[in-house]
Amino acid sequence: MTGLKIGGVPEHFNLPWRMAIEKGKFAELGIDVHWSDMNGGTGQMIRGLETGSIDVAVLLTEGITRAVLQGLKARIVQVYVKTPLQWGIHVPYHSEINSVEDIKHPTFAVSREGSGSHLMAYVLGEREGWDQSSIQFNVVGDIYGGLWALQHDQAQIFLWEKYTTFPFVTQKKCKRVGDVLTPWPCFVIAVREEFLEKHSDLIDQMCRVVNASAEKLKNDPNAADVFSWRYNIPLEQTKMWLSDTEWNEHEGIRKEELEGVVNTLKELSLITSKQAEGWEEKLIKNK
């Protein structure tokens, strides 16, 4: 058995991985998978790839793209979820902010530097026409840190996937005043270069297993009930999310799936023009 350390967020998007592990699909191929829940999100996974505490990460496209172009020794091997991520714009429940237009000098709660919640703050700022230099950040670690920051006036805004935060909105721990969508496929699978060089065939097998698991779940008539029960999301919300979500059923990645991410990061000065040079060769697994 070959050991494989994988990190991902403990959220509904990753149920295909969980199901494949529980049903022994990886073990059948001689792959001993150790899954780690990464509550700190993409920033924590980037650090894990950097230190070697994980071999594979299922993480946000914008975060890993920026990290690799800034020097992280990893490659993207495929898109995992093809549809955009629906980030909820959350503010303190008892604040007077009732729309995005009410926000003037934003302080964002973010899980980590370089995380999706950090990078998407710039995307939102660009959309709203805010002076990017006026945006401030409070690093809070994870979703619970973000909620705490809102409740204790340590941040005005917290961006997080809106179906994950739905229970907290109903519990009045925050309120959602809008959404901002990633203009690209939201999740990709990335692998440390050192591991990929030694185990390229194993990674291909891994991708086939999880793609098949995702396809089976998507076509399961009882899928909404399974997701709802496992992740404590109301059934109607789960059905809406499923209808908006499309996993990748095929291996590999196309240049055009990442081009928009690279261009946006460059436009927002989150990477330099020099870092963006030759991005395709730096980011994508060689065939």
Protein backbone atom coordinates (compact mmCIF):
# COMPACT_ATOMS: atom_id res chain seq x y z
CA MET A 1 0.00 0.00 0.00
CA THR A 2 1.25 3.47 -0.89
CA GLY A 3 0.43 6.16 1.66
CA LEU A 4 -1.28 9.34 0.47
CA LYS A 5 -1.89 12.33 2.75
CA ILE A 6 -4.76 14.48 1.50
CA GLY A 7 -6.11 17.73 2.94
CA GLY A 8 -9.47 19.37 2.29
CA VAL A 9 -12.11 21.49 3.97
CA PRO A 10 -14.65 19.57 6.11
CA GLU A 11 -17.51 20.76 3.90
CA HIS A 12 -20.11 19.28 1.59
CA PHE A 13 -17.99 19.68 -1.56
CA ASN A 14 -15.70 16.92 -0.34
CA LEU A 15 -18.26 14.21 0.34
CA PRO A 16 -17.13 12.33 -2.83
CA TRP A 17 -13.73 11.87 -1.17
CA ARG A 18 -15.31 10.73 2.08
CA MET A 19 -17.56 8.23 0.33
CA ALA A 20 -14.70 6.81 -1.74
CA ILE A 21 -12.59 6.35 1.41
CA GLU A 22 -15.43 4.77 3.39
CA LYS A 23 -16.27 2.36 0.58
CA GLY A 24 -12.64 1.28 0.23
CA LYS A 25 -12.29 2.49 -3.36
CA PHE A 26 -8.75 3.78 -2.83
CA ALA A 27 -7.71 0.72 -0.83
CA GLU A 28 -8.79 -1.51 -3.73
CA LEU A 29 -6.02 0.13 -5.78
CA GLY A 30 -3.40 -0.20 -3.06
CA ILE A 31 -3.68 3.44 -1.95
CA ASP A 32 -3.72 4.06 1.80
CA VAL A 33 -5.43 7.45 2.07
CA HIS A 34 -5.14 9.58 5.19
CA TRP A 35 -7.62 12.46 4.97
CA SER A 36 -7.06 15.59 7.10
CA ASP A 37 -9.82 18.12 7.66
CA MET A 38 -8.35 21.57 7.10
CA ASN A 39 -10.59 23.98 9.00
CA GLY A 40 -8.24 26.82 8.11
CA GLY A 41 -9.07 26.36 4.44
CA THR A 42 -6.84 27.06 1.47
CA GLY A 43 -4.20 28.99 3.42
CA GLN A 44 -3.69 26.04 5.78
CA MET A 45 -3.47 23.61 2.85
CA ILE A 46 -0.89 25.74 1.05
CA ARG A 47 1.20 25.63 4.21
CA GLY A 48 0.70 21.85 4.37
CA LEU A 49 1.96 21.41 0.81
CA GLU A 50 4.87 23.67 1.61
CA THR A 51 5.95 21.68 4.68
CA GLY A 52 5.09 18.24 3.30
CA SER A 53 2.51 17.48 5.99
CA ILE A 54 0.13 16.71 3.10
CA ASP A 55 0.85 15.40 -0.40
CA VAL A 56 -2.43 16.44 -2.04
CA ALA A 57 -4.81 19.33 -1.42
CA VAL A 58 -8.36 19.97 -2.59
CA LEU A 59 -8.42 23.72 -2.45
CA LEU A 60 -9.59 26.98 -3.97
CA THR A 61 -8.32 27.76 -7.44
CA GLU A 62 -7.32 31.37 -6.78
CA GLY A 63 -5.34 30.52 -3.64
CA ILE A 64 -3.23 27.71 -5.08
CA THR A 65 -2.70 29.59 -8.35
CA ARG A 66 -1.23 32.56 -6.52
CA ALA A 67 0.87 30.35 -4.23
CA VAL A 68 2.41 28.36 -7.09
CA LEU A 69 3.19 31.47 -9.13
CA GLN A 70 4.87 32.90 -6.03
CA GLY A 71 7.10 29.85 -5.75
CA LEU A 72 5.25 26.97 -4.07
CA LYS A 73 6.53 23.66 -5.47
CA ALA A 74 3.20 22.12 -6.44
CA ARG A 75 1.16 21.46 -9.57
CA ILE A 76 -2.55 21.51 -10.33
CA VAL A 77 -3.55 18.11 -11.70
CA GLN A 78 -7.23 18.74 -12.39
CA VAL A 79 -10.27 20.88 -11.75
CA TYR A 80 -12.37 19.27 -9.00
CA VAL A 81 -15.51 21.46 -9.03
CA LYS A 82 -16.23 23.20 -12.34
CA THR A 83 -18.85 25.67 -11.11
CA PRO A 84 -18.13 28.94 -9.24
CA LEU A 85 -18.05 29.15 -5.45
CA GLN A 86 -20.87 31.24 -4.01
CA TRP A 87 -19.24 33.35 -1.32
CA GLY A 88 -21.69 34.89 1.12
CA ILE A 89 -20.94 38.45 2.25
CA HIS A 90 -21.50 38.28 6.01
CA VAL A 91 -21.63 41.21 8.42
CA PRO A 92 -22.34 41.55 12.18
CA TYR A 93 -25.94 40.66 12.93
CA HIS A 94 -26.59 43.70 15.12
CA SER A 95 -24.85 46.18 12.83
CA GLU A 96 -26.61 48.80 10.73
CA ILE A 97 -25.15 47.30 7.58
CA ASN A 98 -28.01 45.92 5.49
CA SER A 99 -26.43 45.95 2.04
CA VAL A 100 -22.98 45.98 0.50
CA GLU A 101 -23.54 49.66 -0.34
CA ASP A 102 -23.58 50.45 3.40
CA ILE A 103 -19.94 49.36 3.74
CA LYS A 104 -17.47 52.23 3.37
CA HIS A 105 -14.12 51.29 4.95
CA PRO A 106 -14.11 47.50 5.09
CA THR A 107 -12.16 45.33 7.49
CA PHE A 108 -12.35 41.70 6.43
CA ALA A 109 -12.01 38.69 8.69
CA VAL A 110 -9.87 36.18 6.75
CA SER A 111 -8.77 32.68 7.64
CA ARG A 112 -5.14 33.12 6.53
CA GLU A 113 -3.04 35.26 4.23
CA GLY A 114 -3.42 33.92 0.71
CA SER A 115 -6.66 32.10 1.51
CA GLY A 116 -9.81 32.34 -0.58
CA SER A 117 -11.46 34.60 2.01
CA HIS A 118 -8.44 36.91 1.66
CA LEU A 119 -8.13 36.95 -2.14
CA MET A 120 -11.87 37.23 -2.76
CA ALA A 121 -11.93 40.40 -0.66
CA TYR A 122 -9.97 42.05 -3.49
CA VAL A 123 -12.36 40.63 -6.09
CA LEU A 124 -15.30 42.07 -4.12
CA GLY A 125 -13.48 45.37 -3.69
CA GLU A 126 -12.88 45.59 -7.43
CA ARG A 127 -16.55 44.86 -8.10
CA GLU A 128 -17.68 47.55 -5.66
CA GLY A 129 -15.13 50.13 -6.75
CA TRP A 130 -13.47 50.38 -3.33
CA ASP A 131 -10.01 51.83 -2.95
CA GLN A 132 -8.02 48.61 -2.60
CA SER A 133 -5.45 50.31 -0.35
CA SER A 134 -8.22 51.06 2.18
CA ILE A 135 -9.14 47.38 2.64
CA GLN A 136 -7.91 45.98 5.95
CA PHE A 137 -7.68 42.42 7.22
CA ASN A 138 -7.93 40.54 10.49
CA VAL A 139 -6.53 37.00 10.31
CA VAL A 140 -8.85 34.75 12.34
CA GLY A 141 -7.93 31.14 11.46
CA ASP A 142 -11.23 29.58 10.40
CA ILE A 143 -14.99 30.00 10.11
CA TYR A 144 -15.45 30.16 13.87
CA GLY A 145 -12.80 32.84 14.15
CA GLY A 146 -14.62 34.79 11.44
CA LEU A 147 -17.93 34.60 13.29
CA TRP A 148 -16.21 35.66 16.53
CA ALA A 149 -14.64 38.63 14.78
CA LEU A 150 -18.04 39.80 13.52
CA GLN A 151 -19.67 39.35 16.91
CA HIS A 152 -16.90 41.27 18.71
CA ASP A 153 -16.55 44.14 16.23
CA GLN A 154 -13.14 42.95 15.05
CA ALA A 155 -14.28 42.90 11.40
CA GLN A 156 -17.09 44.28 9.26
CA ILE A 157 -17.13 41.57 6.61
CA PHE A 158 -16.49 37.86 6.50
CA LEU A 159 -16.58 35.99 3.19
CA TRP A 160 -17.36 32.26 3.35
CA GLU A 161 -19.27 29.72 1.27
CA LYS A 162 -22.89 30.63 1.83
CA TYR A 163 -24.37 27.16 2.29
CA THR A 164 -21.80 26.36 4.97
CA THR A 165 -22.70 29.53 6.87
CA PHE A 166 -26.47 29.17 6.40
CA PRO A 167 -27.01 27.61 9.87
CA PHE A 168 -25.12 30.49 11.50
CA VAL A 169 -27.21 33.05 9.62
CA THR A 170 -30.42 31.39 10.85
CA GLN A 171 -28.96 31.36 14.39
CA LYS A 172 -28.42 35.15 14.06
CA LYS A 173 -24.66 34.88 14.57
CA CYS A 174 -24.24 36.99 11.44
CA LYS A 175 -26.31 38.25 8.53
CA ARG A 176 -25.71 37.83 4.83
CA VAL A 177 -26.12 40.97 2.74
CA GLY A 178 -25.06 39.65 -0.64
CA ASP A 179 -22.93 37.22 -2.60
CA VAL A 180 -19.78 37.33 -4.69
CA LEU A 181 -18.99 34.50 -7.10
CA THR A 182 -15.63 33.27 -8.29
CA PRO A 183 -15.45 33.89 -12.06
CA TRP A 184 -13.66 30.55 -12.50
CA PRO A 185 -13.97 26.86 -11.46
CA CYS A 186 -13.84 26.97 -7.68
CA PHE A 187 -11.91 23.89 -6.52
CA VAL A 188 -8.87 22.13 -7.95
CA ILE A 189 -6.66 19.22 -6.89
CA ALA A 190 -3.01 20.12 -6.34
CA VAL A 191 -0.04 17.87 -5.56
CA ARG A 192 3.44 18.54 -4.22
CA GLU A 193 5.91 18.41 -7.12
CA GLU A 194 8.23 15.99 -5.31
CA PHE A 195 5.39 13.54 -4.69
CA LEU A 196 3.98 13.93 -8.20
CA GLU A 197 7.33 13.15 -9.82
CA LYS A 198 7.52 9.85 -7.95
CA HIS A 199 3.85 8.83 -8.06
CA SER A 200 2.28 10.30 -11.19
CA ASP A 201 0.37 7.07 -12.03
CA LEU A 202 -0.94 6.87 -8.46
CA ILE A 203 -2.27 10.42 -8.69
CA ASP A 204 -4.01 9.57 -11.99
CA GLN A 205 -5.68 6.60 -10.28
CA MET A 206 -6.70 8.81 -7.34
CA CYS A 207 -8.35 11.32 -9.67
CA ARG A 208 -10.29 8.59 -11.48
CA VAL A 209 -11.61 7.25 -8.17
CA VAL A 210 -12.81 10.61 -6.85
CA ASN A 211 -14.29 11.63 -10.21
CA ALA A 212 -16.31 8.42 -10.33
CA SER A 213 -17.44 8.95 -6.73
CA ALA A 214 -18.58 12.51 -7.50
CA GLU A 215 -20.46 11.39 -10.60
CA LYS A 216 -22.23 8.64 -8.66
CA LEU A 217 -23.25 11.04 -5.89
CA LYS A 218 -24.48 13.68 -8.32
CA ASN A 219 -26.72 11.11 -10.04
CA ASP A 220 -27.99 9.56 -6.80
CA PRO A 221 -31.70 10.49 -6.35
CA ASN A 222 -31.13 10.50 -2.58
CA ALA A 223 -28.03 12.69 -2.74
CA ALA A 224 -29.71 15.78 -1.27
CA ASP A 225 -30.79 13.81 1.81
CA VAL A 226 -27.27 12.44 2.28
CA PHE A 227 -25.60 15.86 2.04
CA SER A 228 -28.24 17.48 4.25
CA TRP A 229 -27.85 14.89 7.00
CA ARG A 230 -24.06 14.81 6.91
CA TYR A 231 -23.48 18.56 6.87
CA ASN A 232 -26.48 19.89 8.78
CA ILE A 233 -27.74 21.96 5.85
CA PRO A 234 -31.52 22.24 5.42
CA LEU A 235 -32.81 19.98 2.66
CA GLU A 236 -34.13 22.80 0.47
CA GLN A 237 -30.80 24.62 0.70
CA THR A 238 -29.01 21.40 -0.17
CA LYS A 239 -31.16 20.90 -3.25
CA MET A 240 -30.40 24.44 -4.40
CA TRP A 241 -26.67 23.91 -3.89
CA LEU A 242 -26.69 20.58 -5.73
CA SER A 243 -28.49 22.11 -8.69
CA ASP A 244 -25.77 24.81 -8.88
CA THR A 245 -22.81 22.44 -8.46
CA GLU A 246 -21.00 20.44 -11.12
CA TRP A 247 -18.03 18.26 -10.31
CA ASN A 248 -15.44 17.41 -12.93
CA GLU A 249 -15.98 13.94 -14.36
CA HIS A 250 -12.76 13.83 -16.37
CA GLU A 251 -9.04 13.96 -15.65
CA GLY A 252 -6.75 16.81 -16.48
CA ILE A 253 -7.09 20.55 -16.82
CA ARG A 254 -7.35 22.99 -19.70
CA LYS A 255 -5.41 26.23 -20.01
CA GLU A 256 -8.57 28.31 -20.36
CA GLU A 257 -9.83 27.08 -16.98
CA LEU A 258 -6.97 28.92 -15.24
CA GLU A 259 -6.31 31.82 -17.59
CA GLY A 260 -8.99 34.04 -16.05
CA VAL A 261 -7.63 33.42 -12.54
CA VAL A 262 -4.10 34.41 -13.54
CA ASN A 263 -5.31 37.54 -15.34
CA THR A 264 -7.46 38.62 -12.38
CA LEU A 265 -4.65 38.09 -9.87
CA LYS A 266 -2.36 40.18 -12.06
CA GLU A 267 -4.95 42.95 -12.54
CA LEU A 268 -5.46 43.15 -8.77
CA SER A 269 -1.66 43.25 -8.19
CA LEU A 270 -1.84 40.01 -6.20
CA ILE A 271 0.90 38.62 -8.42
CA THR A 272 3.48 40.46 -10.50
CA SER A 273 3.73 40.38 -14.28
CA LYS A 274 7.02 38.52 -13.89
CA GLN A 275 5.39 35.86 -11.70
CA ALA A 276 2.67 35.45 -14.32
CA GLU A 277 5.18 34.80 -17.11
CA GLY A 278 5.01 31.20 -18.33
CA TRP A 279 2.18 30.48 -15.88
CA GLU A 280 0.90 27.44 -17.76
CA GLU A 281 4.19 25.56 -17.40
CA LYS A 282 4.43 26.50 -13.72
CA LEU A 283 0.88 25.54 -12.76
CA ILE A 284 -0.29 22.56 -14.74
CA LYS A 285 0.88 18.97 -14.47
CA ASN A 286 2.88 17.85 -17.49
CA LYS A 287 1.20 15.20 -19.60
